[in-house]
C-alpha atoms as a PDB file:
ATOM      1  CA  MET A   1     120.955  59.868  52.772  1.00  0.00           C
ATOM      2  CA  LEU A   2     118.637  59.961  49.755  1.00  0.00           C
ATOM      3  CA  LYS A   3     116.005  57.233  49.505  1.00  0.00           C
ATOM      4  CA  LEU A   4     114.409  55.732  46.394  1.00  0.00           C
ATOM      5  CA  VAL A   5     111.271  53.604  46.695  1.00  0.00           C
ATOM      6  CA  LEU A   6     110.323  50.914  44.186  1.00  0.00           C
ATOM      7  CA  LEU A   7     106.905  49.293  44.351  1.00  0.00           C
ATOM      8  CA  ARG A   8     105.586  46.375  42.358  1.00  0.00           C
ATOM      9  CA  HIS A   9     101.844  46.721  41.751  1.00  0.00           C
ATOM     10  CA  GLY A  10      99.438  44.801  43.948  1.00  0.00           C
ATOM     11  CA  GLU A  11      98.287  41.350  42.863  1.00  0.00           C
ATOM     12  CA  SER A  12      96.387  41.494  39.572  1.00  0.00           C
ATOM     13  CA  VAL A  13      93.425  39.335  38.594  1.00  0.00           C
ATOM     14  CA  TRP A  14      95.748  37.418  36.254  1.00  0.00           C
ATOM     15  CA  ASN A  15      98.356  36.998  39.004  1.00  0.00           C
ATOM     16  CA  GLU A  16      95.536  35.502  41.030  1.00  0.00           C
ATOM     17  CA  LYS A  17      94.619  33.114  38.207  1.00  0.00           C
ATOM     18  CA  GLY A  18      98.243  32.246  37.446  1.00  0.00           C
ATOM     19  CA  LEU A  19      98.213  33.609  33.888  1.00  0.00           C
ATOM     20  CA  PHE A  20     101.062  35.143  31.895  1.00  0.00           C
ATOM     21  CA  THR A  21     100.197  38.824  31.793  1.00  0.00           C
ATOM     22  CA  GLY A  22     102.922  40.918  30.198  1.00  0.00           C
ATOM     23  CA  TRP A  23     101.479  44.012  28.508  1.00  0.00           C
ATOM     24  CA  THR A  24      97.880  42.795  28.824  1.00  0.00           C
ATOM     25  CA  ASP A  25      96.105  45.549  30.764  1.00  0.00           C
ATOM     26  CA  VAL A  26      94.369  43.695  33.581  1.00  0.00           C
ATOM     27  CA  ASP A  27      92.982  45.055  36.823  1.00  0.00           C
ATOM     28  CA  LEU A  28      93.950  44.521  40.454  1.00  0.00           C
ATOM     29  CA  SER A  29      92.404  41.623  42.358  1.00  0.00           C
ATOM     30  CA  SER A  30      90.671  42.213  45.694  1.00  0.00           C
ATOM     31  CA  ARG A  31      93.898  41.094  47.350  1.00  0.00           C
ATOM     32  CA  GLY A  32      95.839  43.499  45.151  1.00  0.00           C
ATOM     33  CA  LEU A  33      93.669  46.401  46.285  1.00  0.00           C
ATOM     34  CA  LEU A  34      94.438  45.503  49.896  1.00  0.00           C
ATOM     35  CA  GLU A  35      98.161  45.178  49.131  1.00  0.00           C
ATOM     36  CA  ALA A  36      98.203  48.634  47.567  1.00  0.00           C
ATOM     37  CA  SER A  37      96.397  50.110  50.553  1.00  0.00           C
ATOM     38  CA  SER A  38      98.799  48.378  52.936  1.00  0.00           C
ATOM     39  CA  ALA A  39     101.807  49.704  50.989  1.00  0.00           C
ATOM     40  CA  GLY A  40     100.516  53.257  51.319  1.00  0.00           C
ATOM     41  CA  LYS A  41      99.940  52.862  55.033  1.00  0.00           C
ATOM     42  CA  LYS A  42     103.424  51.401  55.530  1.00  0.00           C
ATOM     43  CA  LEU A  43     105.062  54.261  53.658  1.00  0.00           C
ATOM     44  CA  LYS A  44     103.095  56.838  55.619  1.00  0.00           C
ATOM     45  CA  LYS A  45     103.836  55.176  58.949  1.00  0.00           C
ATOM     46  CA  ALA A  46     107.551  55.041  58.085  1.00  0.00           C
ATOM     47  CA  GLY A  47     107.527  58.785  57.421  1.00  0.00           C
ATOM     48  CA  PHE A  48     108.097  58.737  53.673  1.00  0.00           C
ATOM     49  CA  SER A  49     107.177  61.639  51.419  1.00  0.00           C
ATOM     50  CA  PHE A  50     107.776  62.166  47.710  1.00  0.00           C
ATOM     51  CA  ASP A  51     108.284  64.955  45.207  1.00  0.00           C
ATOM     52  CA  LEU A  52     107.371  62.918  42.150  1.00  0.00           C
ATOM     53  CA  ALA A  53     106.058  59.498  41.119  1.00  0.00           C
ATOM     54  CA  TYR A  54     106.713  57.440  38.007  1.00  0.00           C
ATOM     55  CA  VAL A  55     104.406  54.683  36.815  1.00  0.00           C
ATOM     56  CA  SER A  56     103.960  52.443  33.776  1.00  0.00           C
ATOM     57  CA  PHE A  57     101.088  52.588  31.259  1.00  0.00           C
ATOM     58  CA  LEU A  58      99.393  49.573  32.863  1.00  0.00           C
ATOM     59  CA  LYS A  59      96.349  50.139  35.052  1.00  0.00           C
ATOM     60  CA  ARG A  60      97.370  47.615  37.678  1.00  0.00           C
ATOM     61  CA  ALA A  61     100.378  49.828  38.411  1.00  0.00           C
ATOM     62  CA  ILE A  62      98.455  53.101  37.992  1.00  0.00           C
ATOM     63  CA  LYS A  63      95.699  51.988  40.385  1.00  0.00           C
ATOM     64  CA  THR A  64      98.285  50.759  42.886  1.00  0.00           C
ATOM     65  CA  LEU A  65     100.010  54.146  42.793  1.00  0.00           C
ATOM     66  CA  ASN A  66      96.730  56.048  43.168  1.00  0.00           C
ATOM     67  CA  ILE A  67      95.739  53.980  46.194  1.00  0.00           C
ATOM     68  CA  VAL A  68      99.178  54.462  47.768  1.00  0.00           C
ATOM     69  CA  LEU A  69      99.022  58.220  47.236  1.00  0.00           C
ATOM     70  CA  GLU A  70      95.505  58.376  48.644  1.00  0.00           C
ATOM     71  CA  GLU A  71      96.605  56.539  51.782  1.00  0.00           C
ATOM     72  CA  MET A  72      99.480  59.013  52.111  1.00  0.00           C
ATOM     73  CA  ASP A  73      97.266  62.038  51.371  1.00  0.00           C
ATOM     74  CA  LEU A  74      99.443  62.734  48.333  1.00  0.00           C
ATOM     75  CA  LEU A  75      96.958  62.474  45.466  1.00  0.00           C
ATOM     76  CA  TRP A  76      98.158  65.897  44.339  1.00  0.00           C
ATOM     77  CA  LEU A  77     101.661  64.548  43.712  1.00  0.00           C
ATOM     78  CA  PRO A  78     103.010  65.078  40.150  1.00  0.00           C
ATOM     79  CA  THR A  79     102.949  61.734  38.336  1.00  0.00           C
ATOM     80  CA  ILE A  80     104.609  60.756  35.069  1.00  0.00           C
ATOM     81  CA  LYS A  81     103.512  57.710  33.078  1.00  0.00           C
ATOM     82  CA  ASP A  82     106.165  56.004  30.959  1.00  0.00           C
ATOM     83  CA  TRP A  83     105.679  52.880  28.827  1.00  0.00           C
ATOM     84  CA  ARG A  84     109.312  51.892  29.447  1.00  0.00           C
ATOM     85  CA  LEU A  85     108.251  50.874  32.960  1.00  0.00           C
ATOM     86  CA  ASN A  86     105.780  48.332  31.542  1.00  0.00           C
ATOM     87  CA  GLU A  87     106.089  44.685  32.420  1.00  0.00           C
ATOM     88  CA  ARG A  88     108.149  42.441  30.163  1.00  0.00           C
ATOM     89  CA  HIS A  89     106.185  41.520  27.020  1.00  0.00           C
ATOM     90  CA  TYR A  90     105.497  37.791  27.254  1.00  0.00           C
ATOM     91  CA  GLY A  91     104.705  37.321  23.587  1.00  0.00           C
ATOM     92  CA  ASN A  92     102.404  34.458  22.674  1.00  0.00           C
ATOM     93  CA  LEU A  93     102.372  33.265  26.291  1.00  0.00           C
ATOM     94  CA  GLN A  94     100.176  36.213  27.282  1.00  0.00           C
ATOM     95  CA  GLY A  95      96.848  34.898  28.534  1.00  0.00           C
ATOM     96  CA  LEU A  96      98.072  31.315  29.048  1.00  0.00           C
ATOM     97  CA  ASN A  97      97.880  29.567  32.406  1.00  0.00           C
ATOM     98  CA  LYS A  98     101.349  29.064  33.906  1.00  0.00           C
ATOM     99  CA  GLN A  99     100.612  25.679  35.483  1.00  0.00           C
ATOM    100  CA  GLN A 100      98.997  24.297  32.330  1.00  0.00           C
ATOM    101  CA  THR A 101     101.874  25.636  30.254  1.00  0.00           C
ATOM    102  CA  ALA A 102     104.295  23.898  32.638  1.00  0.00           C
ATOM    103  CA  LYS A 103     102.418  20.618  32.207  1.00  0.00           C
ATOM    104  CA  LYS A 104     102.538  20.982  28.422  1.00  0.00           C
ATOM    105  CA  PHE A 105     106.128  22.158  27.952  1.00  0.00           C
ATOM    106  CA  GLY A 106     107.709  21.176  31.289  1.00  0.00           C
ATOM    107  CA  GLU A 107     108.641  23.252  34.315  1.00  0.00           C
ATOM    108  CA  GLU A 108     112.185  23.757  33.076  1.00  0.00           C
ATOM    109  CA  GLN A 109     111.041  25.320  29.794  1.00  0.00           C
ATOM    110  CA  VAL A 110     108.578  27.587  31.588  1.00  0.00           C
ATOM    111  CA  LYS A 111     111.297  28.623  34.035  1.00  0.00           C
ATOM    112  CA  ILE A 112     113.530  29.492  31.067  1.00  0.00           C
ATOM    113  CA  TRP A 113     110.775  31.606  29.525  1.00  0.00           C
ATOM    114  CA  ARG A 114     109.968  33.276  32.836  1.00  0.00           C
ATOM    115  CA  ARG A 115     113.314  33.614  34.566  1.00  0.00           C
ATOM    116  CA  SER A 116     116.173  33.393  32.054  1.00  0.00           C
ATOM    117  CA  TYR A 117     118.021  36.591  31.222  1.00  0.00           C
ATOM    118  CA  ASP A 118     118.261  36.639  27.442  1.00  0.00           C
ATOM    119  CA  VAL A 119     115.722  34.090  26.150  1.00  0.00           C
ATOM    120  CA  ARG A 120     112.539  35.504  24.657  1.00  0.00           C
ATOM    121  CA  PRO A 121     109.238  33.606  24.788  1.00  0.00           C
ATOM    122  CA  PRO A 122     107.491  32.761  21.487  1.00  0.00           C
ATOM    123  CA  GLU A 123     106.570  35.921  19.552  1.00  0.00           C
ATOM    124  CA  ILE A 124     102.953  36.968  19.780  1.00  0.00           C
ATOM    125  CA  ASP A 125     100.784  36.094  16.805  1.00  0.00           C
ATOM    126  CA  ASN A 126      99.136  38.970  14.918  1.00  0.00           C
ATOM    127  CA  LYS A 127      95.770  37.298  15.477  1.00  0.00           C
ATOM    128  CA  ASN A 128      96.295  36.874  19.226  1.00  0.00           C
ATOM    129  CA  LYS A 129      93.648  38.942  21.015  1.00  0.00           C
ATOM    130  CA  TYR A 130      96.266  39.979  23.575  1.00  0.00           C
ATOM    131  CA  ASN A 131      98.468  41.610  20.931  1.00  0.00           C
ATOM    132  CA  GLN A 132      98.984  45.320  21.726  1.00  0.00           C
ATOM    133  CA  LYS A 133     100.221  46.386  18.262  1.00  0.00           C
ATOM    134  CA  ASP A 134      97.030  48.414  17.608  1.00  0.00           C
ATOM    135  CA  ASP A 135      96.644  49.779  21.148  1.00  0.00           C
ATOM    136  CA  VAL A 136      96.276  53.558  20.850  1.00  0.00           C
ATOM    137  CA  ARG A 137      98.410  54.237  23.923  1.00  0.00           C
ATOM    138  CA  TYR A 138     101.439  52.783  22.099  1.00  0.00           C
ATOM    139  CA  ARG A 139     100.911  54.592  18.783  1.00  0.00           C
ATOM    140  CA  ASP A 140     104.262  56.380  19.088  1.00  0.00           C
ATOM    141  CA  ILE A 141     106.382  53.268  19.695  1.00  0.00           C
ATOM    142  CA  LYS A 142     107.054  49.929  18.101  1.00  0.00           C
ATOM    143  CA  VAL A 143     105.325  47.388  20.326  1.00  0.00           C
ATOM    144  CA  PRO A 144     107.584  44.378  20.965  1.00  0.00           C
ATOM    145  CA  SER A 145     106.399  40.960  19.856  1.00  0.00           C
ATOM    146  CA  ALA A 146     108.209  39.336  22.823  1.00  0.00           C
ATOM    147  CA  GLU A 147     110.894  40.379  25.315  1.00  0.00           C
ATOM    148  CA  SER A 148     113.604  38.816  27.420  1.00  0.00           C
ATOM    149  CA  LEU A 149     114.679  40.411  30.694  1.00  0.00           C
ATOM    150  CA  LYS A 150     117.725  41.692  28.805  1.00  0.00           C
ATOM    151  CA  ASP A 151     115.378  43.573  26.468  1.00  0.00           C
ATOM    152  CA  VAL A 152     113.640  45.147  29.456  1.00  0.00           C
ATOM    153  CA  VAL A 153     116.995  46.244  30.893  1.00  0.00           C
ATOM    154  CA  LEU A 154     117.752  47.926  27.560  1.00  0.00           C
ATOM    155  CA  ARG A 155     114.583  50.047  27.762  1.00  0.00           C
ATOM    156  CA  VAL A 156     114.565  50.734  31.504  1.00  0.00           C
ATOM    157  CA  THR A 157     118.208  51.856  31.715  1.00  0.00           C
ATOM    158  CA  PRO A 158     117.814  54.869  29.362  1.00  0.00           C
ATOM    159  CA  TRP A 159     114.701  55.908  31.302  1.00  0.00           C
ATOM    160  CA  TRP A 160     116.679  55.765  34.542  1.00  0.00           C
ATOM    161  CA  LYS A 161     119.610  57.750  33.172  1.00  0.00           C
ATOM    162  CA  LYS A 162     117.560  60.420  31.399  1.00  0.00           C
ATOM    163  CA  GLU A 163     114.534  60.797  33.664  1.00  0.00           C
ATOM    164  CA  ALA A 164     115.204  59.648  37.219  1.00  0.00           C
ATOM    165  CA  LEU A 165     118.899  60.325  37.762  1.00  0.00           C
ATOM    166  CA  PRO A 166     118.810  64.084  37.008  1.00  0.00           C
ATOM    167  CA  LEU A 167     115.972  64.512  39.517  1.00  0.00           C
ATOM    168  CA  LEU A 168     117.729  62.458  42.173  1.00  0.00           C
ATOM    169  CA  ARG A 169     120.820  64.603  41.697  1.00  0.00           C
ATOM    170  CA  LYS A 170     118.635  67.587  42.610  1.00  0.00           C
ATOM    171  CA  GLY A 171     117.585  65.805  45.799  1.00  0.00           C
ATOM    172  CA  LYS A 172     114.103  64.886  44.611  1.00  0.00           C
ATOM    173  CA  LYS A 173     112.374  62.017  46.397  1.00  0.00           C
ATOM    174  CA  ILE A 174     110.961  59.542  43.877  1.00  0.00           C
ATOM    175  CA  LEU A 175     108.467  56.674  44.019  1.00  0.00           C
ATOM    176  CA  VAL A 176     108.502  54.219  41.092  1.00  0.00           C
ATOM    177  CA  THR A 177     105.472  51.938  40.709  1.00  0.00           C
ATOM    178  CA  ALA A 178     105.823  49.307  38.017  1.00  0.00           C
ATOM    179  CA  SER A 179     105.894  45.546  37.401  1.00  0.00           C
ATOM    180  CA  GLY A 180     108.094  42.704  38.536  1.00  0.00           C
ATOM    181  CA  ASN A 181     110.409  42.509  35.531  1.00  0.00           C
ATOM    182  CA  SER A 182     110.764  46.242  34.877  1.00  0.00           C
ATOM    183  CA  LEU A 183     111.737  46.690  38.522  1.00  0.00           C
ATOM    184  CA  ARG A 184     114.109  43.712  38.370  1.00  0.00           C
ATOM    185  CA  ALA A 185     115.716  45.347  35.332  1.00  0.00           C
ATOM    186  CA  LEU A 186     116.236  48.518  37.355  1.00  0.00           C
ATOM    187  CA  VAL A 187     117.600  46.569  40.331  1.00  0.00           C
ATOM    188  CA  LYS A 188     120.082  44.796  38.042  1.00  0.00           C
ATOM    189  CA  TYR A 189     121.390  48.120  36.794  1.00  0.00           C
ATOM    190  CA  LEU A 190     121.443  49.805  40.207  1.00  0.00           C
ATOM    191  CA  GLU A 191     123.349  46.989  41.886  1.00  0.00           C
ATOM    192  CA  ALA A 192     125.358  45.863  38.862  1.00  0.00           C
ATOM    193  CA  MET A 193     123.996  42.361  39.426  1.00  0.00           C
ATOM    194  CA  SER A 194     125.199  39.516  37.262  1.00  0.00           C
ATOM    195  CA  GLU A 195     122.782  37.750  34.941  1.00  0.00           C
ATOM    196  CA  ASN A 196     122.712  34.746  37.281  1.00  0.00           C
ATOM    197  CA  GLU A 197     121.961  36.921  40.314  1.00  0.00           C
ATOM    198  CA  ILE A 198     119.054  38.798  38.760  1.00  0.00           C
ATOM    199  CA  VAL A 199     117.477  35.583  37.465  1.00  0.00           C
ATOM    200  CA  GLU A 200     117.096  34.431  41.077  1.00  0.00           C
ATOM    201  CA  PHE A 201     115.989  37.821  42.432  1.00  0.00           C
ATOM    202  CA  ASN A 202     112.259  38.032  43.187  1.00  0.00           C
ATOM    203  CA  ILE A 203     110.165  41.117  43.925  1.00  0.00           C
ATOM    204  CA  PRO A 204     106.823  40.498  45.669  1.00  0.00           C
ATOM    205  CA  THR A 205     103.627  42.385  44.876  1.00  0.00           C
ATOM    206  CA  GLY A 206     102.587  45.355  46.979  1.00  0.00           C
ATOM    207  CA  ILE A 207     105.579  45.601  49.331  1.00  0.00           C
ATOM    208  CA  PRO A 208     107.704  48.785  49.109  1.00  0.00           C
ATOM    209  CA  LEU A 209     111.378  48.190  48.330  1.00  0.00           C
ATOM    210  CA  VAL A 210     113.563  50.991  49.711  1.00  0.00           C
ATOM    211  CA  TYR A 211     117.025  51.912  48.453  1.00  0.00           C
ATOM    212  CA  GLU A 212     119.316  54.202  50.387  1.00  0.00           C
ATOM    213  CA  LEU A 213     121.703  55.980  48.014  1.00  0.00           C
ATOM    214  CA  ASP A 214     125.045  57.650  48.699  1.00  0.00           C
ATOM    215  CA  LYS A 215     126.085  61.078  47.364  1.00  0.00           C
ATOM    216  CA  ASN A 216     127.029  59.457  44.043  1.00  0.00           C
ATOM    217  CA  LEU A 217     123.546  57.881  43.897  1.00  0.00           C
ATOM    218  CA  ARG A 218     124.903  54.392  44.359  1.00  0.00           C
ATOM    219  CA  PRO A 219     122.909  52.024  46.558  1.00  0.00           C
ATOM    220  CA  VAL A 220     124.371  51.386  49.998  1.00  0.00           C
ATOM    221  CA  LYS A 221     121.390  49.579  51.475  1.00  0.00           C
ATOM    222  CA  ARG A 222     118.088  48.030  50.411  1.00  0.00           C
ATOM    223  CA  TYR A 223     115.207  46.725  52.457  1.00  0.00           C
ATOM    224  CA  TYR A 224     111.489  45.998  52.276  1.00  0.00           C
ATOM    225  CA  LEU A 225     108.852  47.576  54.477  1.00  0.00           C
ATOM    226  CA  ALA A 226     107.629  44.224  55.734  1.00  0.00           C
ATOM    227  CA  SER A 227     108.277  41.718  58.478  1.00  0.00           C
ATOM    228  CA  ALA A 228     110.545  38.767  57.695  1.00  0.00           C
ATOM    229  CA  LYS A 229     107.548  36.428  57.801  1.00  0.00           C
ATOM    230  CA  GLU A 230     105.421  38.551  55.458  1.00  0.00           C
ATOM    231  CA  LEU A 231     108.305  39.014  53.051  1.00  0.00           C
ATOM    232  CA  LYS A 232     109.176  35.299  52.900  1.00  0.00           C
ATOM    233  CA  ALA A 233     105.557  34.321  52.183  1.00  0.00           C
ATOM    234  CA  ALA A 234     105.272  36.937  49.434  1.00  0.00           C
ATOM    235  CA  ILE A 235     108.551  35.965  47.754  1.00  0.00           C
ATOM    236  CA  ASP A 236     107.770  32.236  47.968  1.00  0.00           C
ATOM    237  CA  LYS A 237     104.491  32.946  46.190  1.00  0.00           C
ATOM    238  CA  VAL A 238     106.400  34.526  43.294  1.00  0.00           C
ATOM    239  CA  LYS A 239     108.925  31.665  43.184  1.00  0.00           C
ATOM    240  CA  ASN A 240     106.249  29.001  42.985  1.00  0.00           C
ATOM    241  CA  GLN A 241     104.523  30.420  39.915  1.00  0.00           C
ATOM    242  CA  GLY A 242     104.939  28.290  36.823  1.00  0.00           C
ATOM    243  CA  LYS A 243     105.144  24.967  38.675  1.00  0.00           C
ATOM    244  CA  LYS A 244     102.934  22.006  37.849  1.00  0.00           C
ATOM    245  CA  LYS A 245     101.845  21.471  41.488  1.00  0.00           C
END
């Protein structure tokens, strides 16, 4: 049985502050560093090994991956960075506080921006300091001005089909470290989830999500490397973002 491991980066400093992050390249928080270390230890203890790792262009994911590989004594592992694994671009919401935004526009509107399938947030202004249009790392692509989850699915799916699937067919063991929405996009495709199902699906930071795949590379089982208590607390934390409190 072939296994695929998906890992959302550890908590970032903007996760900690409750800010919309998107493509803004922020660092891991102290908690996020610990989550990444814990993820590596869990994977090592469970006997996982990998032939290749994929990661986004964002340093919170890159640092998480590096810490995981260090814990597993796999820093030598071939790693490929791909912008298509970036978080969803949150447009002009990037840098705004989620709770304050909920107070201003209402929790329902913020939930629509955060969790709906095909609704984009307001497009980022050219003068917004969190606009990535001139970021040198994206010089070969057209940086989005805002994305819905549907948009993320449309960029993650070709990556999966062209990059990951051929390697999995050869029996390669792959670790994918990315962000919440890029991983949700992949989960939607893997499990053929409906739009309503994926909207309610939450992926916590720093906890490995394992898929067991059959010979046709279809998922037959998924589980997290975490206790029920740890997993519930982590998922509840994600669910409660964007509420007024």
